[in-house]
Amino acid sequence: MQTIFISIKCELGKAYQVADDMVQKVAEVSEVYSTSGQYDLLLKAYLADDQDIGHFVNESIQTVPGISDTFTTIAFKAFT
């Protein structure tokens, strides 16, 4: 299982709609947080080991209406 975090910049006034769309329509999305700073949302997703991260971001995330920019971070290990 691959864990990725995607920071999302939304068009003005679209952050809540984008967050709702992510949670409701993209099965791999675990959580979406509203954030302050350069990006509006922080999305956490779990992908299968054989799933291509680039295709996932390009086809499942960046095509959602209201998104203007993304920044993807790949997580290597979770410490608990």
PDB file of N, CA and C in Angstrom:
ATOM      1  N   MET A   1       0.853  -1.183   0.000  1.00  0.00           N
ATOM      2  CA  MET A   1       0.000   0.000   0.000  1.00  0.00           C
ATOM      3  C   MET A   1       0.894   1.240   0.000  1.00  0.00           C
ATOM      4  N   GLN A   2       0.603   2.169  -0.886  1.00  0.00           N
ATOM      5  CA  GLN A   2       1.326   3.435  -0.964  1.00  0.00           C
ATOM      6  C   GLN A   2       0.489   4.539  -0.333  1.00  0.00           C
ATOM      7  N   THR A   3       1.118   5.383   0.474  1.00  0.00           N
ATOM      8  CA  THR A   3       0.428   6.522   1.069  1.00  0.00           C
ATOM      9  C   THR A   3       0.961   7.787   0.416  1.00  0.00           C
ATOM     10  N   ILE A   4       0.045   8.633  -0.049  1.00  0.00           N
ATOM     11  CA  ILE A   4       0.444   9.919  -0.613  1.00  0.00           C
ATOM     12  C   ILE A   4      -0.392  11.031   0.006  1.00  0.00           C
ATOM     13  N   PHE A   5       0.203  12.201   0.053  1.00  0.00           N
ATOM     14  CA  PHE A   5      -0.477  13.410   0.488  1.00  0.00           C
ATOM     15  C   PHE A   5      -0.470  14.380  -0.682  1.00  0.00           C
ATOM     16  N   ILE A   6      -1.600  15.000  -0.938  1.00  0.00           N
ATOM     17  CA  ILE A   6      -1.694  15.959  -2.035  1.00  0.00           C
ATOM     18  C   ILE A   6      -2.208  17.285  -1.487  1.00  0.00           C
ATOM     19  N   SER A   7      -1.383  18.314  -1.613  1.00  0.00           N
ATOM     20  CA  SER A   7      -1.821  19.665  -1.278  1.00  0.00           C
ATOM     21  C   SER A   7      -2.545  20.208  -2.495  1.00  0.00           C
ATOM     22  N   ILE A   8      -3.709  20.807  -2.254  1.00  0.00           N
ATOM     23  CA  ILE A   8      -4.562  21.257  -3.356  1.00  0.00           C
ATOM     24  C   ILE A   8      -4.859  22.746  -3.213  1.00  0.00           C
ATOM     25  N   LYS A   9      -4.622  23.482  -4.299  1.00  0.00           N
ATOM     26  CA  LYS A   9      -5.010  24.886  -4.374  1.00  0.00           C
ATOM     27  C   LYS A   9      -6.304  24.932  -5.183  1.00  0.00           C
ATOM     28  N   CYS A  10      -7.323  25.578  -4.629  1.00  0.00           N
ATOM     29  CA  CYS A  10      -8.641  25.614  -5.268  1.00  0.00           C
ATOM     30  C   CYS A  10      -8.927  26.991  -5.865  1.00  0.00           C
ATOM     31  N   GLU A  11      -9.819  27.001  -6.830  1.00  0.00           N
ATOM     32  CA  GLU A  11     -10.338  28.272  -7.325  1.00  0.00           C
ATOM     33  C   GLU A  11     -11.087  28.943  -6.176  1.00  0.00           C
ATOM     34  N   LEU A  12     -11.154  30.255  -6.209  1.00  0.00           N
ATOM     35  CA  LEU A  12     -11.803  30.994  -5.126  1.00  0.00           C
ATOM     36  C   LEU A  12     -13.238  30.502  -4.903  1.00  0.00           C
ATOM     37  N   GLY A  13     -13.559  30.246  -3.654  1.00  0.00           N
ATOM     38  CA  GLY A  13     -14.907  29.830  -3.285  1.00  0.00           C
ATOM     39  C   GLY A  13     -15.233  28.374  -3.561  1.00  0.00           C
ATOM     40  N   LYS A  14     -14.263  27.564  -3.952  1.00  0.00           N
ATOM     41  CA  LYS A  14     -14.534  26.179  -4.347  1.00  0.00           C
ATOM     42  C   LYS A  14     -13.988  25.118  -3.385  1.00  0.00           C
ATOM     43  N   ALA A  15     -13.290  25.514  -2.331  1.00  0.00           N
ATOM     44  CA  ALA A  15     -12.603  24.545  -1.471  1.00  0.00           C
ATOM     45  C   ALA A  15     -13.552  23.527  -0.850  1.00  0.00           C
ATOM     46  N   TYR A  16     -14.686  23.953  -0.338  1.00  0.00           N
ATOM     47  CA  TYR A  16     -15.600  23.019   0.307  1.00  0.00           C
ATOM     48  C   TYR A  16     -16.202  22.037  -0.696  1.00  0.00           C
ATOM     49  N   GLN A  17     -16.509  22.506  -1.878  1.00  0.00           N
ATOM     50  CA  GLN A  17     -17.051  21.621  -2.914  1.00  0.00           C
ATOM     51  C   GLN A  17     -16.001  20.611  -3.365  1.00  0.00           C
ATOM     52  N   VAL A  18     -14.775  21.077  -3.538  1.00  0.00           N
ATOM     53  CA  VAL A  18     -13.694  20.170  -3.944  1.00  0.00           C
ATOM     54  C   VAL A  18     -13.475  19.108  -2.866  1.00  0.00           C
ATOM     55  N   ALA A  19     -13.426  19.502  -1.605  1.00  0.00           N
ATOM     56  CA  ALA A  19     -13.231  18.546  -0.508  1.00  0.00           C
ATOM     57  C   ALA A  19     -14.342  17.503  -0.499  1.00  0.00           C
ATOM     58  N   ASP A  20     -15.574  17.948  -0.644  1.00  0.00           N
ATOM     59  CA  ASP A  20     -16.709  17.023  -0.660  1.00  0.00           C
ATOM     60  C   ASP A  20     -16.617  16.060  -1.843  1.00  0.00           C
ATOM     61  N   ASP A  21     -16.277  16.578  -3.017  1.00  0.00           N
ATOM     62  CA  ASP A  21     -16.131  15.727  -4.207  1.00  0.00           C
ATOM     63  C   ASP A  21     -15.048  14.670  -3.997  1.00  0.00           C
ATOM     64  N   MET A  22     -13.932  15.057  -3.403  1.00  0.00           N
ATOM     65  CA  MET A  22     -12.826  14.121  -3.170  1.00  0.00           C
ATOM     66  C   MET A  22     -13.261  12.959  -2.281  1.00  0.00           C
ATOM     67  N   VAL A  23     -13.917  13.297  -1.169  1.00  0.00           N
ATOM     68  CA  VAL A  23     -14.331  12.272  -0.209  1.00  0.00           C
ATOM     69  C   VAL A  23     -15.417  11.370  -0.786  1.00  0.00           C
ATOM     70  N   GLN A  24     -16.353  11.949  -1.521  1.00  0.00           N
ATOM     71  CA  GLN A  24     -17.494  11.191  -2.022  1.00  0.00           C
ATOM     72  C   GLN A  24     -17.186  10.372  -3.281  1.00  0.00           C
ATOM     73  N   LYS A  25     -16.294  10.857  -4.135  1.00  0.00           N
ATOM     74  CA  LYS A  25     -16.154  10.272  -5.469  1.00  0.00           C
ATOM     75  C   LYS A  25     -14.849   9.534  -5.747  1.00  0.00           C
ATOM     76  N   VAL A  26     -13.829   9.725  -4.906  1.00  0.00           N
ATOM     77  CA  VAL A  26     -12.535   9.099  -5.172  1.00  0.00           C
ATOM     78  C   VAL A  26     -12.268   8.070  -4.070  1.00  0.00           C
ATOM     79  N   ALA A  27     -12.392   6.796  -4.420  1.00  0.00           N
ATOM     80  CA  ALA A  27     -12.333   5.704  -3.437  1.00  0.00           C
ATOM     81  C   ALA A  27     -11.016   5.663  -2.663  1.00  0.00           C
ATOM     82  N   GLU A  28      -9.921   6.041  -3.283  1.00  0.00           N
ATOM     83  CA  GLU A  28      -8.612   5.957  -2.632  1.00  0.00           C
ATOM     84  C   GLU A  28      -8.392   7.038  -1.574  1.00  0.00           C
ATOM     85  N   VAL A  29      -9.229   8.057  -1.565  1.00  0.00           N
ATOM     86  CA  VAL A  29      -9.065   9.167  -0.627  1.00  0.00           C
ATOM     87  C   VAL A  29      -9.513   8.740   0.765  1.00  0.00           C
ATOM     88  N   SER A  30      -8.614   8.924   1.725  1.00  0.00           N
ATOM     89  CA  SER A  30      -8.893   8.578   3.113  1.00  0.00           C
ATOM     90  C   SER A  30      -9.445   9.770   3.889  1.00  0.00           C
ATOM     91  N   GLU A  31      -8.771  10.908   3.763  1.00  0.00           N
ATOM     92  CA  GLU A  31      -9.132  12.105   4.517  1.00  0.00           C
ATOM     93  C   GLU A  31      -8.814  13.350   3.700  1.00  0.00           C
ATOM     94  N   VAL A  32      -9.556  14.419   3.961  1.00  0.00           N
ATOM     95  CA  VAL A  32      -9.266  15.723   3.368  1.00  0.00           C
ATOM     96  C   VAL A  32      -9.380  16.764   4.482  1.00  0.00           C
ATOM     97  N   TYR A  33      -8.345  17.578   4.610  1.00  0.00           N
ATOM     98  CA  TYR A  33      -8.311  18.620   5.633  1.00  0.00           C
ATOM     99  C   TYR A  33      -8.271  19.992   4.971  1.00  0.00           C
ATOM    100  N   SER A  34      -8.962  20.970   5.557  1.00  0.00           N
ATOM    101  CA  SER A  34      -8.774  22.354   5.123  1.00  0.00           C
ATOM    102  C   SER A  34      -7.529  22.862   5.836  1.00  0.00           C
ATOM    103  N   THR A  35      -6.734  23.664   5.139  1.00  0.00           N
ATOM    104  CA  THR A  35      -5.474  24.139   5.694  1.00  0.00           C
ATOM    105  C   THR A  35      -5.305  25.622   5.439  1.00  0.00           C
ATOM    106  N   SER A  36      -4.397  26.222   6.193  1.00  0.00           N
ATOM    107  CA  SER A  36      -4.025  27.611   5.932  1.00  0.00           C
ATOM    108  C   SER A  36      -2.720  27.602   5.149  1.00  0.00           C
ATOM    109  N   GLY A  37      -2.401  28.736   4.551  1.00  0.00           N
ATOM    110  CA  GLY A  37      -1.145  28.830   3.836  1.00  0.00           C
ATOM    111  C   GLY A  37      -1.321  28.817   2.332  1.00  0.00           C
ATOM    112  N   GLN A  38      -0.314  28.317   1.640  1.00  0.00           N
ATOM    113  CA  GLN A  38      -0.273  28.363   0.182  1.00  0.00           C
ATOM    114  C   GLN A  38      -1.345  27.492  -0.469  1.00  0.00           C
ATOM    115  N   TYR A  39      -1.715  26.396   0.182  1.00  0.00           N
ATOM    116  CA  TYR A  39      -2.717  25.485  -0.369  1.00  0.00           C
ATOM    117  C   TYR A  39      -3.957  25.491   0.518  1.00  0.00           C
ATOM    118  N   ASP A  40      -5.101  25.145  -0.068  1.00  0.00           N
ATOM    119  CA  ASP A  40      -6.379  25.188   0.635  1.00  0.00           C
ATOM    120  C   ASP A  40      -6.749  23.875   1.309  1.00  0.00           C
ATOM    121  N   LEU A  41      -6.334  22.755   0.714  1.00  0.00           N
ATOM    122  CA  LEU A  41      -6.707  21.440   1.215  1.00  0.00           C
ATOM    123  C   LEU A  41      -5.491  20.525   1.262  1.00  0.00           C
ATOM    124  N   LEU A  42      -5.526  19.570   2.198  1.00  0.00           N
ATOM    125  CA  LEU A  42      -4.528  18.515   2.261  1.00  0.00           C
ATOM    126  C   LEU A  42      -5.272  17.189   2.219  1.00  0.00           C
ATOM    127  N   LEU A  43      -4.971  16.401   1.215  1.00  0.00           N
ATOM    128  CA  LEU A  43      -5.668  15.142   0.953  1.00  0.00           C
ATOM    129  C   LEU A  43      -4.719  13.990   1.261  1.00  0.00           C
ATOM    130  N   LYS A  44      -5.240  12.963   1.925  1.00  0.00           N
ATOM    131  CA  LYS A  44      -4.471  11.743   2.185  1.00  0.00           C
ATOM    132  C   LYS A  44      -5.118  10.609   1.408  1.00  0.00           C
ATOM    133  N   ALA A  45      -4.311   9.869   0.653  1.00  0.00           N
ATOM    134  CA  ALA A  45      -4.844   8.772  -0.151  1.00  0.00           C
ATOM    135  C   ALA A  45      -3.963   7.544  -0.014  1.00  0.00           C
ATOM    136  N   TYR A  46      -4.596   6.387  -0.101  1.00  0.00           N
ATOM    137  CA  TYR A  46      -3.900   5.108  -0.101  1.00  0.00           C
ATOM    138  C   TYR A  46      -4.077   4.469  -1.467  1.00  0.00           C
ATOM    139  N   LEU A  47      -2.959   4.116  -2.092  1.00  0.00           N
ATOM    140  CA  LEU A  47      -2.994   3.489  -3.406  1.00  0.00           C
ATOM    141  C   LEU A  47      -2.420   2.086  -3.313  1.00  0.00           C
ATOM    142  N   ALA A  48      -2.892   1.210  -4.174  1.00  0.00           N
ATOM    143  CA  ALA A  48      -2.326  -0.142  -4.263  1.00  0.00           C
ATOM    144  C   ALA A  48      -0.867  -0.026  -4.691  1.00  0.00           C
ATOM    145  N   ASP A  49      -0.059  -1.010  -4.304  1.00  0.00           N
ATOM    146  CA  ASP A  49       1.371  -0.974  -4.630  1.00  0.00           C
ATOM    147  C   ASP A  49       1.634  -0.875  -6.125  1.00  0.00           C
ATOM    148  N   ASP A  50       0.760  -1.463  -6.919  1.00  0.00           N
ATOM    149  CA  ASP A  50       0.971  -1.443  -8.369  1.00  0.00           C
ATOM    150  C   ASP A  50       0.273  -0.278  -9.073  1.00  0.00           C
ATOM    151  N   GLN A  51      -0.384   0.595  -8.309  1.00  0.00           N
ATOM    152  CA  GLN A  51      -1.087   1.737  -8.905  1.00  0.00           C
ATOM    153  C   GLN A  51      -0.106   2.868  -9.167  1.00  0.00           C
ATOM    154  N   ASP A  52      -0.161   3.439 -10.346  1.00  0.00           N
ATOM    155  CA  ASP A  52       0.739   4.524 -10.740  1.00  0.00           C
ATOM    156  C   ASP A  52       0.279   5.838 -10.119  1.00  0.00           C
ATOM    157  N   ILE A  53       1.152   6.451  -9.322  1.00  0.00           N
ATOM    158  CA  ILE A  53       0.810   7.689  -8.628  1.00  0.00           C
ATOM    159  C   ILE A  53       0.548   8.824  -9.614  1.00  0.00           C
ATOM    160  N   GLY A  54       1.375   8.933 -10.628  1.00  0.00           N
ATOM    161  CA  GLY A  54       1.208  10.004 -11.608  1.00  0.00           C
ATOM    162  C   GLY A  54      -0.128   9.942 -12.320  1.00  0.00           C
ATOM    163  N   HIS A  55      -0.509   8.745 -12.738  1.00  0.00           N
ATOM    164  CA  HIS A  55      -1.812   8.595 -13.401  1.00  0.00           C
ATOM    165  C   HIS A  55      -2.951   8.896 -12.443  1.00  0.00           C
ATOM    166  N   PHE A  56      -2.836   8.446 -11.187  1.00  0.00           N
ATOM    167  CA  PHE A  56      -3.881   8.713 -10.199  1.00  0.00           C
ATOM    168  C   PHE A  56      -4.074  10.216 -10.010  1.00  0.00           C
ATOM    169  N   VAL A  57      -2.985  10.931  -9.776  1.00  0.00           N
ATOM    170  CA  VAL A  57      -3.085  12.380  -9.546  1.00  0.00           C
ATOM    171  C   VAL A  57      -3.610  13.076 -10.789  1.00  0.00           C
ATOM    172  N   ASN A  58      -3.072  12.723 -11.933  1.00  0.00           N
ATOM    173  CA  ASN A  58      -3.434  13.361 -13.193  1.00  0.00           C
ATOM    174  C   ASN A  58      -4.883  13.108 -13.585  1.00  0.00           C
ATOM    175  N   GLU A  59      -5.355  11.889 -13.410  1.00  0.00           N
ATOM    176  CA  GLU A  59      -6.680  11.511 -13.901  1.00  0.00           C
ATOM    177  C   GLU A  59      -7.787  11.596 -12.853  1.00  0.00           C
ATOM    178  N   SER A  60      -7.467  11.325 -11.586  1.00  0.00           N
ATOM    179  CA  SER A  60      -8.512  11.271 -10.557  1.00  0.00           C
ATOM    180  C   SER A  60      -8.598  12.523  -9.701  1.00  0.00           C
ATOM    181  N   ILE A  61      -7.516  13.274  -9.606  1.00  0.00           N
ATOM    182  CA  ILE A  61      -7.498  14.456  -8.742  1.00  0.00           C
ATOM    183  C   ILE A  61      -7.538  15.754  -9.554  1.00  0.00           C
ATOM    184  N   GLN A  62      -6.587  15.927 -10.449  1.00  0.00           N
ATOM    185  CA  GLN A  62      -6.471  17.196 -11.162  1.00  0.00           C
ATOM    186  C   GLN A  62      -7.633  17.474 -12.108  1.00  0.00           C
ATOM    187  N   THR A  63      -8.435  16.484 -12.419  1.00  0.00           N
ATOM    188  CA  THR A  63      -9.585  16.684 -13.307  1.00  0.00           C
ATOM    189  C   THR A  63     -10.844  17.121 -12.558  1.00  0.00           C
ATOM    190  N   VAL A  64     -10.795  17.171 -11.242  1.00  0.00           N
ATOM    191  CA  VAL A  64     -11.962  17.581 -10.451  1.00  0.00           C
ATOM    192  C   VAL A  64     -12.174  19.083 -10.625  1.00  0.00           C
ATOM    193  N   PRO A  65     -13.381  19.502 -10.977  1.00  0.00           N
ATOM    194  CA  PRO A  65     -13.656  20.935 -11.145  1.00  0.00           C
ATOM    195  C   PRO A  65     -13.353  21.720  -9.876  1.00  0.00           C
ATOM    196  N   GLY A  66     -12.730  22.875 -10.039  1.00  0.00           N
ATOM    197  CA  GLY A  66     -12.432  23.746  -8.907  1.00  0.00           C
ATOM    198  C   GLY A  66     -10.993  23.665  -8.432  1.00  0.00           C
ATOM    199  N   ILE A  67     -10.199  22.715  -8.960  1.00  0.00           N
ATOM    200  CA  ILE A  67      -8.795  22.593  -8.574  1.00  0.00           C
ATOM    201  C   ILE A  67      -7.937  23.385  -9.557  1.00  0.00           C
ATOM    202  N   SER A  68      -7.044  24.216  -9.008  1.00  0.00           N
ATOM    203  CA  SER A  68      -6.168  24.995  -9.882  1.00  0.00           C
ATOM    204  C   SER A  68      -4.710  24.557  -9.808  1.00  0.00           C
ATOM    205  N   ASP A  69      -4.306  23.846  -8.736  1.00  0.00           N
ATOM    206  CA  ASP A  69      -2.916  23.413  -8.609  1.00  0.00           C
ATOM    207  C   ASP A  69      -2.832  22.310  -7.567  1.00  0.00           C
ATOM    208  N   THR A  70      -1.830  21.426  -7.719  1.00  0.00           N
ATOM    209  CA  THR A  70      -1.596  20.371  -6.731  1.00  0.00           C
ATOM    210  C   THR A  70      -0.108  20.232  -6.470  1.00  0.00           C
ATOM    211  N   PHE A  71       0.209  19.664  -5.309  1.00  0.00           N
ATOM    212  CA  PHE A  71       1.583  19.344  -4.944  1.00  0.00           C
ATOM    213  C   PHE A  71       1.534  18.006  -4.219  1.00  0.00           C
ATOM    214  N   THR A  72       2.186  17.002  -4.769  1.00  0.00           N
ATOM    215  CA  THR A  72       2.105  15.638  -4.238  1.00  0.00           C
ATOM    216  C   THR A  72       3.355  15.286  -3.444  1.00  0.00           C
ATOM    217  N   THR A  73       3.134  14.686  -2.258  1.00  0.00           N
ATOM    218  CA  THR A  73       4.206  14.185  -1.422  1.00  0.00           C
ATOM    219  C   THR A  73       3.989  12.696  -1.200  1.00  0.00           C
ATOM    220  N   ILE A  74       5.034  11.910  -1.466  1.00  0.00           N
ATOM    221  CA  ILE A  74       4.970  10.459  -1.265  1.00  0.00           C
ATOM    222  C   ILE A  74       5.504  10.156   0.131  1.00  0.00           C
ATOM    223  N   ALA A  75       4.748   9.410   0.919  1.00  0.00           N
ATOM    224  CA  ALA A  75       5.171   9.031   2.280  1.00  0.00           C
ATOM    225  C   ALA A  75       5.889   7.694   2.224  1.00  0.00           C
ATOM    226  N   PHE A  76       6.987   7.590   2.967  1.00  0.00           N
ATOM    227  CA  PHE A  76       7.760   6.341   2.982  1.00  0.00           C
ATOM    228  C   PHE A  76       7.410   5.445   4.170  1.00  0.00           C
ATOM    229  N   LYS A  77       7.298   6.014   5.368  1.00  0.00           N
ATOM    230  CA  LYS A  77       7.054   5.211   6.553  1.00  0.00           C
ATOM    231  C   LYS A  77       6.212   6.028   7.527  1.00  0.00           C
ATOM    232  N   ALA A  78       5.254   5.354   8.153  1.00  0.00           N
ATOM    233  CA  ALA A  78       4.437   5.991   9.188  1.00  0.00           C
ATOM    234  C   ALA A  78       4.985   5.574  10.551  1.00  0.00           C
ATOM    235  N   PHE A  79       5.209   6.537  11.411  1.00  0.00           N
ATOM    236  CA  PHE A  79       5.692   6.252  12.768  1.00  0.00           C
ATOM    237  C   PHE A  79       4.531   6.392  13.742  1.00  0.00           C
ATOM    238  N   THR A  80       4.323   5.388  14.547  1.00  0.00           N
ATOM    239  CA  THR A  80       3.222   5.431  15.526  1.00  0.00           C
ATOM    240  C   THR A  80       3.725   5.159  16.918  1.00  0.00           C
TER     241      THR A  80
END
